[in-house]
Protein backbone atom coordinates (compact mmCIF):
# COMPACT_ATOMS: atom_id res chain seq x y z
CA MET A 1 0.00 0.00 0.00
CA GLN A 2 2.85 2.39 0.87
CA VAL A 3 4.55 1.72 -2.47
CA THR A 4 1.24 2.36 -4.28
CA TRP A 5 0.54 5.78 -2.78
CA LYS A 6 4.14 6.90 -3.35
CA ARG A 7 4.01 5.83 -7.00
CA ASN A 8 0.64 7.53 -7.39
CA PHE A 9 2.09 10.68 -5.87
CA ARG A 10 5.02 10.79 -8.31
CA ILE A 11 2.81 10.27 -11.37
CA LEU A 12 0.09 12.69 -10.24
CA TRP A 13 2.70 15.31 -9.28
CA LEU A 14 4.17 15.04 -12.79
CA GLY A 15 0.69 15.18 -14.32
CA SER A 16 -0.13 18.29 -12.28
CA LEU A 17 3.16 19.89 -13.32
CA ILE A 18 2.53 19.27 -17.04
CA THR A 19 -1.09 20.46 -16.76
CA GLY A 20 0.01 23.69 -15.05
CA LEU A 21 2.90 23.99 -17.49
CA GLY A 22 0.57 23.60 -20.47
CA ASN A 23 -1.75 26.36 -19.29
CA ALA A 24 1.12 28.73 -18.53
CA MET A 25 2.87 27.97 -21.84
CA THR A 26 -0.08 29.05 -23.99
CA LEU A 27 -2.17 31.62 -22.07
CA PRO A 28 0.39 34.49 -22.07
CA PHE A 29 0.34 34.79 -25.87
CA ILE A 30 -3.21 33.65 -26.65
CA VAL A 31 -4.23 37.23 -27.48
CA LEU A 32 -1.33 37.43 -29.94
CA PHE A 33 -2.51 34.16 -31.49
CA ILE A 34 -6.07 35.52 -31.74
CA GLU A 35 -4.64 38.58 -33.52
CA THR A 36 -3.43 36.30 -36.34
CA LEU A 37 -6.93 34.90 -36.85
CA GLY A 38 -8.60 38.11 -38.07
CA ASP A 39 -8.57 41.88 -38.32
CA PHE A 40 -9.39 43.08 -34.78
CA ASN A 41 -9.04 46.48 -33.11
CA LYS A 42 -7.62 46.91 -29.60
CA VAL A 43 -11.00 46.77 -27.82
CA GLU A 44 -12.02 43.63 -29.71
CA LEU A 45 -8.70 41.96 -28.90
CA ASN A 46 -9.08 42.77 -25.19
CA LEU A 47 -12.61 41.33 -25.13
CA LEU A 48 -11.67 38.22 -27.10
CA GLY A 49 -8.61 37.63 -24.90
CA ALA A 50 -10.75 37.92 -21.77
CA ALA A 51 -13.33 35.59 -23.29
CA ALA A 52 -10.67 32.99 -24.15
CA PHE A 53 -9.61 33.04 -20.47
CA SER A 54 -13.01 33.31 -18.78
CA LEU A 55 -14.95 30.86 -20.96
CA THR A 56 -12.66 28.03 -19.91
CA TYR A 57 -13.23 28.60 -16.20
CA LEU A 58 -16.94 29.40 -16.56
CA SER A 59 -17.64 26.15 -18.39
CA LYS A 60 -15.51 24.33 -15.81
CA ALA A 61 -17.60 25.81 -12.98
CA LEU A 62 -20.87 24.80 -14.63
CA VAL A 63 -19.93 21.25 -15.63
CA SER A 64 -17.83 20.13 -12.63
CA PRO A 65 -20.81 18.86 -10.55
CA LEU A 66 -21.69 16.42 -13.33
CA TRP A 67 -18.18 14.99 -13.27
CA GLY A 68 -18.33 14.82 -9.48
CA LYS A 69 -21.31 12.48 -9.65
CA LEU A 70 -19.42 10.27 -12.10
CA ALA A 71 -16.39 10.29 -9.79
CA ASP A 72 -18.55 8.92 -6.97
CA LEU A 73 -19.78 6.17 -9.31
CA LYS A 74 -16.52 5.28 -11.10
CA GLY A 75 -13.60 6.72 -9.12
CA ARG A 76 -11.10 9.58 -9.39
CA LYS A 77 -8.58 7.88 -11.70
CA LEU A 78 -11.18 7.77 -14.49
CA MET A 79 -11.72 11.50 -14.02
CA CYS A 80 -7.98 12.15 -14.40
CA LEU A 81 -8.00 10.10 -17.60
CA ARG A 82 -11.08 11.91 -18.88
CA ALA A 83 -9.49 15.31 -18.25
CA SER A 84 -6.04 14.56 -19.70
CA GLY A 85 -7.43 12.61 -22.67
CA VAL A 86 -9.98 15.19 -23.80
CA MET A 87 -7.62 18.10 -23.08
CA THR A 88 -5.09 16.45 -25.41
CA PHE A 89 -7.71 16.75 -28.16
CA THR A 90 -9.11 20.22 -27.33
CA ILE A 91 -5.67 21.85 -27.02
CA LEU A 92 -4.71 20.32 -30.38
CA MET A 93 -7.88 21.75 -31.92
CA VAL A 94 -7.16 25.22 -30.49
CA GLY A 95 -3.81 25.04 -32.26
CA LEU A 96 -5.60 24.16 -35.50
CA SER A 97 -8.12 27.02 -35.17
CA PRO A 98 -9.01 28.61 -38.55
CA ASN A 99 -10.86 31.49 -36.83
CA VAL A 100 -11.48 32.98 -33.40
CA TRP A 101 -14.94 31.38 -32.92
CA PHE A 102 -13.43 27.92 -33.43
CA LEU A 103 -10.79 28.82 -30.81
CA LEU A 104 -13.36 30.07 -28.29
CA PHE A 105 -15.51 26.96 -28.74
CA PHE A 106 -12.63 24.61 -27.99
CA ARG A 107 -11.41 26.78 -25.09
CA ALA A 108 -14.88 26.35 -23.59
CA MET A 109 -14.74 22.61 -24.30
CA GLN A 110 -11.31 22.46 -22.65
CA GLY A 111 -12.78 23.96 -19.49
CA ALA A 112 -15.79 21.64 -19.55
CA PHE A 113 -13.59 18.53 -19.67
CA SER A 114 -10.70 19.79 -17.51
CA GLY A 115 -10.07 18.89 -13.87
CA TYR A 116 -6.93 16.75 -13.81
CA ILE A 117 -5.31 18.64 -10.93
CA ASN A 118 -8.44 18.70 -8.77
CA ASN A 119 -9.06 14.98 -9.23
CA ALA A 120 -5.38 14.20 -8.62
CA ASN A 121 -5.74 16.08 -5.32
CA ALA A 122 -8.91 14.14 -4.51
CA LEU A 123 -7.26 10.79 -5.28
CA MET A 124 -4.18 11.55 -3.18
CA SER A 125 -6.20 12.97 -0.28
CA VAL A 126 -7.88 9.61 0.25
CA SER A 127 -4.82 7.42 -0.44
CA ALA A 128 -2.08 9.27 1.49
CA PRO A 129 -1.42 8.09 5.08
CA VAL A 130 -3.49 10.09 7.55
CA GLU A 131 -0.54 11.11 9.75
CA ILE A 132 1.31 12.84 6.86
CA ARG A 133 -1.65 13.91 4.73
CA GLY A 134 -0.93 17.62 5.19
CA ARG A 135 2.65 17.21 3.96
CA VAL A 136 1.59 15.09 0.98
CA MET A 137 -1.10 17.55 -0.14
CA SER A 138 1.20 20.56 0.32
CA LYS A 139 3.88 18.90 -1.81
CA LEU A 140 1.38 17.83 -4.47
CA ILE A 141 0.35 21.42 -5.23
CA THR A 142 3.99 22.30 -5.91
CA GLY A 143 3.66 20.35 -9.18
CA ASP A 144 1.03 22.72 -10.54
CA ILE A 145 2.84 25.78 -9.14
CA THR A 146 6.17 24.71 -10.68
CA GLY A 147 4.48 24.33 -14.05
CA LEU A 148 2.90 27.77 -13.73
CA LEU A 149 6.27 29.31 -12.87
CA ILE A 150 8.35 27.87 -15.68
CA GLY A 151 5.54 27.67 -18.25
CA PRO A 152 5.71 31.29 -19.52
CA LEU A 153 9.46 31.00 -20.11
CA ILE A 154 9.15 27.72 -22.05
CA GLY A 155 6.11 29.07 -23.89
CA SER A 156 7.98 32.16 -25.04
CA PHE A 157 10.78 30.00 -26.50
CA LEU A 158 8.26 27.71 -28.19
CA ALA A 159 6.22 30.58 -29.63
CA THR A 160 9.43 32.07 -31.01
CA GLY A 161 10.83 28.78 -32.29
CA VAL A 162 7.80 26.88 -33.62
CA GLY A 163 5.11 29.59 -33.68
CA TYR A 164 1.91 30.03 -31.71
CA ARG A 165 0.25 26.98 -33.23
CA GLY A 166 3.34 24.86 -32.57
CA ALA A 167 3.20 25.72 -28.87
CA PHE A 168 -0.34 24.30 -28.68
CA PHE A 169 0.77 21.14 -30.53
CA VAL A 170 3.61 20.60 -28.04
CA THR A 171 1.20 21.14 -25.14
CA SER A 172 -1.21 18.59 -26.63
CA PHE A 173 1.62 16.05 -26.92
CA LEU A 174 2.58 16.60 -23.26
CA MET A 175 -1.03 16.07 -22.15
CA ALA A 176 -1.02 12.77 -24.08
CA ILE A 177 1.98 11.72 -21.95
CA VAL A 178 -0.02 12.62 -18.82
CA PHE A 179 -2.89 10.44 -20.04
CA LEU A 180 -0.62 7.44 -20.67
CA THR A 181 1.35 7.67 -17.41
CA THR A 182 -1.89 7.99 -15.43
CA LEU A 183 -3.51 5.10 -17.31
CA PHE A 184 -0.67 2.64 -16.75
CA GLY A 185 0.91 3.95 -13.54
CA VAL A 186 -1.82 5.11 -11.15
CA LYS A 187 -3.62 2.53 -9.00
CA GLU A 188 -6.83 3.44 -7.19
CA ASP A 189 -8.48 1.36 -4.49
CA PHE A 190 -12.05 2.13 -5.48
CA VAL A 191 -15.13 -0.10 -5.42
CA PRO A 192 -17.66 1.04 -8.06
CA ILE A 193 -21.26 1.57 -6.95
CA THR A 194 -24.49 1.59 -8.94
CA LYS A 195 -26.70 4.61 -9.55
CA LYS A 196 -29.31 3.07 -7.23
CA GLU A 197 -26.76 2.93 -4.41
CA LEU A 198 -25.67 6.55 -5.00
CA GLN A 199 -26.88 8.58 -2.02
CA PRO A 200 -28.41 12.04 -2.62
CA VAL A 201 -25.98 14.77 -1.72
CA LEU A 202 -28.21 17.47 -0.18
CA PRO A 203 -29.52 15.49 2.84
CA ILE A 204 -25.96 14.46 3.76
CA MET A 205 -24.72 18.05 3.36
CA LYS A 206 -27.56 19.21 5.62
CA LYS A 207 -26.63 16.59 8.21
CA ILE A 208 -22.96 17.69 8.18
CA GLY A 209 -24.03 21.33 8.50
CA TRP A 210 -24.36 24.22 6.04
CA GLN A 211 -21.86 26.27 8.08
CA PHE A 212 -19.10 23.89 7.00
CA PHE A 213 -19.97 24.05 3.31
CA LEU A 214 -20.40 27.82 3.34
CA ALA A 215 -16.90 28.12 4.79
CA LEU A 216 -15.51 25.45 2.44
CA PHE A 217 -16.83 26.82 -0.85
CA GLY A 218 -16.49 30.45 0.21
CA SER A 219 -12.84 30.09 1.17
CA LEU A 220 -11.98 28.28 -2.07
CA LEU A 221 -13.60 31.04 -4.11
CA ALA A 222 -11.86 33.68 -1.98
CA VAL A 223 -8.38 32.14 -2.22
CA GLN A 224 -8.64 31.66 -5.98
CA ALA A 225 -10.08 35.15 -6.55
CA THR A 226 -7.31 36.66 -4.40
CA THR A 227 -4.62 34.72 -6.25
CA ASN A 228 -5.77 35.87 -9.69
CA ALA A 229 -7.32 39.29 -9.02
CA ILE A 230 -4.14 41.27 -9.65
CA THR A 231 -2.63 38.89 -12.25
CA PRO A 232 -3.90 40.59 -15.45
CA MET A 233 -2.75 44.01 -14.17
CA ILE A 234 0.46 43.14 -12.34
CA SER A 235 2.69 44.83 -14.95
CA LEU A 236 0.62 48.01 -14.72
CA LEU A 237 0.97 48.00 -10.92
CA VAL A 238 4.75 47.55 -11.21
CA ARG A 239 4.95 50.46 -13.66
CA GLU A 240 2.89 52.64 -11.31
CA ILE A 241 5.17 51.89 -8.34
CA ASP A 242 8.40 52.24 -10.35
CA PRO A 243 7.62 54.44 -13.39
CA GLY A 244 11.27 55.04 -14.26
CA SER A 245 12.30 51.38 -14.44
CA ASN A 246 14.06 50.12 -17.56
CA ASN A 247 13.42 46.48 -16.59
CA LEU A 248 9.62 46.38 -16.41
CA VAL A 249 9.32 42.87 -17.89
CA ILE A 250 11.96 41.34 -15.59
CA ILE A 251 10.61 43.03 -12.45
CA THR A 252 7.05 41.99 -13.35
CA GLY A 253 8.28 38.42 -13.72
CA VAL A 254 9.91 38.51 -10.27
CA VAL A 255 6.76 39.95 -8.65
CA SER A 256 4.56 37.41 -10.43
CA ALA A 257 6.79 34.48 -9.47
CA ALA A 258 7.20 35.39 -5.78
CA PRO A 259 4.00 33.70 -4.43
CA GLY A 260 4.58 30.52 -6.42
CA LEU A 261 8.22 30.36 -5.39
CA ALA A 262 7.21 30.69 -1.73
CA THR A 263 4.68 27.87 -2.13
CA ILE A 264 7.34 25.56 -3.57
CA VAL A 265 10.03 26.45 -1.01
CA MET A 266 7.77 26.33 2.05
CA ALA A 267 5.44 23.45 1.10
CA GLY A 268 7.22 20.86 3.26
CA LEU A 269 7.35 23.05 6.38
CA VAL A 270 3.77 24.22 5.96
CA GLY A 271 2.59 20.64 5.44
CA ARG A 272 4.20 19.56 8.71
CA LEU A 273 2.46 22.47 10.48
CA ILE A 274 -0.90 21.33 9.10
CA ASP A 275 -0.27 17.80 10.38
CA LYS A 276 0.81 19.14 13.79
CA LEU A 277 -1.78 21.91 14.36
CA GLY A 278 -4.70 20.40 12.47
CA ALA A 279 -6.34 21.63 9.29
CA LEU A 280 -8.95 23.90 10.90
CA LYS A 281 -6.48 25.75 13.13
CA SER A 282 -4.13 26.09 10.15
CA MET A 283 -6.97 27.60 8.09
CA LEU A 284 -7.63 30.24 10.75
CA ILE A 285 -3.94 31.09 11.22
CA PHE A 286 -3.03 31.34 7.54
CA LEU A 287 -6.22 33.16 6.50
CA THR A 288 -5.36 35.77 9.16
CA SER A 289 -1.80 35.93 7.84
CA ALA A 290 -3.04 36.41 4.26
CA ILE A 291 -5.43 39.20 5.31
CA ILE A 292 -2.68 41.12 7.14
CA CYS A 293 -0.34 40.62 4.17
CA LEU A 294 -2.94 41.91 1.67
CA ILE A 295 -3.68 45.02 3.75
CA LEU A 296 0.05 45.79 3.99
CA THR A 297 0.45 45.21 0.25
CA SER A 298 -2.13 47.92 -0.45
CA MET A 299 0.29 50.39 1.16
CA VAL A 300 3.57 49.41 -0.56
CA GLN A 301 5.86 52.22 -1.69
CA ASN A 302 8.55 50.31 -3.58
CA ILE A 303 9.05 47.12 -5.58
CA TRP A 304 10.95 45.17 -2.93
CA GLU A 305 8.17 45.66 -0.39
CA LEU A 306 5.79 44.28 -3.01
CA VAL A 307 8.03 41.26 -3.71
CA VAL A 308 8.47 40.42 0.00
CA LEU A 309 4.75 40.68 0.75
CA ARG A 310 3.83 38.63 -2.32
CA PHE A 311 6.30 35.97 -1.12
CA ILE A 312 4.67 35.91 2.33
CA LEU A 313 1.25 35.62 0.68
CA GLY A 314 2.57 32.57 -1.19
CA ILE A 315 3.39 30.91 2.14
CA SER A 316 -0.25 31.33 3.17
CA ASP A 317 -1.37 29.91 -0.19
CA ALA A 318 0.84 26.85 0.44
CA ALA A 319 -1.23 26.14 3.56
CA LEU A 320 -4.78 27.15 2.62
CA ILE A 321 -5.60 24.80 -0.27
CA PRO A 322 -4.10 21.68 1.42
CA SER A 323 -5.94 22.59 4.65
CA ILE A 324 -9.21 22.85 2.72
CA GLN A 325 -8.59 19.45 1.11
CA VAL A 326 -7.82 17.82 4.47
CA LEU A 327 -10.95 19.39 6.00
CA THR A 328 -12.99 18.05 3.10
CA ILE A 329 -11.87 14.45 3.61
CA GLN A 330 -12.25 14.75 7.40
CA ASN A 331 -15.87 15.90 7.17
CA VAL A 332 -17.27 14.40 3.97
CA PRO A 333 -18.20 10.68 3.69
CA ASN A 334 -16.96 8.64 0.73
CA SER A 335 -20.49 8.29 -0.64
CA ILE A 336 -20.55 11.97 -1.75
CA PHE A 337 -16.83 12.72 -1.76
CA GLY A 338 -16.48 13.06 -5.54
CA ARG A 339 -19.43 15.44 -5.81
CA ILE A 340 -18.20 17.67 -3.00
CA PHE A 341 -14.74 17.81 -4.54
CA SER A 342 -16.38 18.82 -7.84
CA TYR A 343 -18.24 21.62 -6.04
CA ASN A 344 -14.86 22.68 -4.66
CA GLN A 345 -13.62 22.76 -8.25
CA SER A 346 -16.60 24.90 -9.31
CA ALA A 347 -15.93 27.34 -6.47
CA GLN A 348 -12.29 27.67 -7.52
CA ALA A 349 -13.26 28.18 -11.15
CA MET A 350 -15.74 30.91 -10.21
CA GLY A 351 -12.97 32.58 -8.20
CA ASN A 352 -10.86 32.58 -11.38
CA VAL A 353 -13.70 34.26 -13.27
CA LEU A 354 -14.92 36.76 -10.67
CA GLY A 355 -11.57 37.81 -9.18
CA PRO A 356 -10.03 39.43 -12.28
CA MET A 357 -13.39 40.85 -13.45
CA LEU A 358 -14.19 42.60 -10.15
CA ALA A 359 -10.57 43.68 -9.76
CA ALA A 360 -10.65 45.41 -13.15
CA VAL A 361 -13.74 47.40 -12.10
CA ILE A 362 -12.22 48.32 -8.72
CA ALA A 363 -8.87 49.30 -10.26
CA THR A 364 -10.63 51.60 -12.71
CA GLY A 365 -12.39 53.46 -9.91
CA PHE A 366 -9.86 53.33 -7.06
CA GLY A 367 -6.45 52.31 -8.45
CA TYR A 368 -4.42 49.10 -8.60
CA LYS A 369 -3.44 48.97 -4.91
CA SER A 370 -7.11 48.94 -3.92
CA ILE A 371 -7.33 45.44 -5.44
CA PHE A 372 -5.42 44.12 -2.42
CA LEU A 373 -7.94 45.68 -0.02
CA PHE A 374 -10.73 44.11 -2.06
CA SER A 375 -8.92 40.75 -1.80
CA ALA A 376 -8.49 41.22 1.97
CA VAL A 377 -12.24 41.82 2.39
CA ILE A 378 -13.03 38.59 0.51
CA GLU A 379 -10.68 36.61 2.74
CA ILE A 380 -12.09 38.28 5.89
CA LEU A 381 -15.50 36.93 4.87
CA ALA A 382 -13.95 33.46 4.46
CA LEU A 383 -12.30 33.76 7.89
CA ILE A 384 -15.62 34.76 9.49
CA ALA A 385 -17.28 31.70 7.89
CA TRP A 386 -14.64 29.36 9.38
CA LEU A 387 -14.90 31.05 12.79
CA ILE A 388 -18.67 30.48 12.75
CA TYR A 389 -18.14 26.84 11.81
CA SER A 390 -15.47 26.45 14.50
CA LYS A 391 -17.76 27.90 17.15
CA GLN A 392 -20.68 25.77 16.00
CA ARG A 393 -18.52 22.62 16.15
CA GLN A 394 -17.54 23.35 19.76
CA PHE A 395 -21.20 23.18 20.84
CA LYS A 396 -21.88 19.85 19.14
């Protein structure tokens, strides 16, 4: 059993890395690719670029509950195969796009059939030994984060060397490797159940308590919205703080990479803290840390303050998602586990959609630094939800 979970971890970590890598390799220049597909003005390009990003996550949010039901019936490995297999096809088709509407359609399809990383997390959360589950989950997310960090660099070389379409073809090939390694390497101890045996989810959720699920889904949406709220405008924030810089691209890269780098570096230590303190206490501590960090970030006066605070925020991120996953498995029975994990996925996807959209509106009215105050408010609401749940649990 020990050998099995360790092998699963290595394969799923690699799969998460390639999935994150694939997204980061292609998204930075997707607007430039769209520009080659027609004669668009600046406003049209901005809208089409936003649509190419948002449609993927919106369709993911809408469809995830359907996949969650199938996961409860057939297991999480099948969901990883479904995601990697279909994404191999949809990413290839995006690369073959003859026009922008074809591209948008397959970007939406990619979102509807995605979910490798979430299902890899779900599979590992139930197969990792209980006493080190926090460490395992913290280390697993470093795969995705590593891919997101190095993806833009590799993508820029690919786009330059083999063109925009070639970058999508390479990404499709890598996803095919993920499919094959998962198919032949991952072992899941799952006993299929019939549709008749599938228990309805709402009565069980009600029995567990709506306070828990409000905190669970709300914090996932908040963390994801906070992570991505500033992302589309990070270069503009850097230019505002340091208008005379001659290294805008490099500095923006450093600022962007700081949270992910912190997550990778601190994942082991943070995972041990989760195992020692417990997932709920870790949630409260690191949500508080993130809120303080975001408020301080709204007052930065120079680039290095921004880099340091973004790094500290990354440490909180390294703890929050694994804590949420551990809390999910501690509170949710196996009979509805796949569906709840899919709702988690929908909440994260909606955070990816709402965060940047609301941040753009707020930045227009109040400036870029105000985005961090907006993010802090969202995480305060998540903290309040967990405090309510914590208090309610004490009286049970």
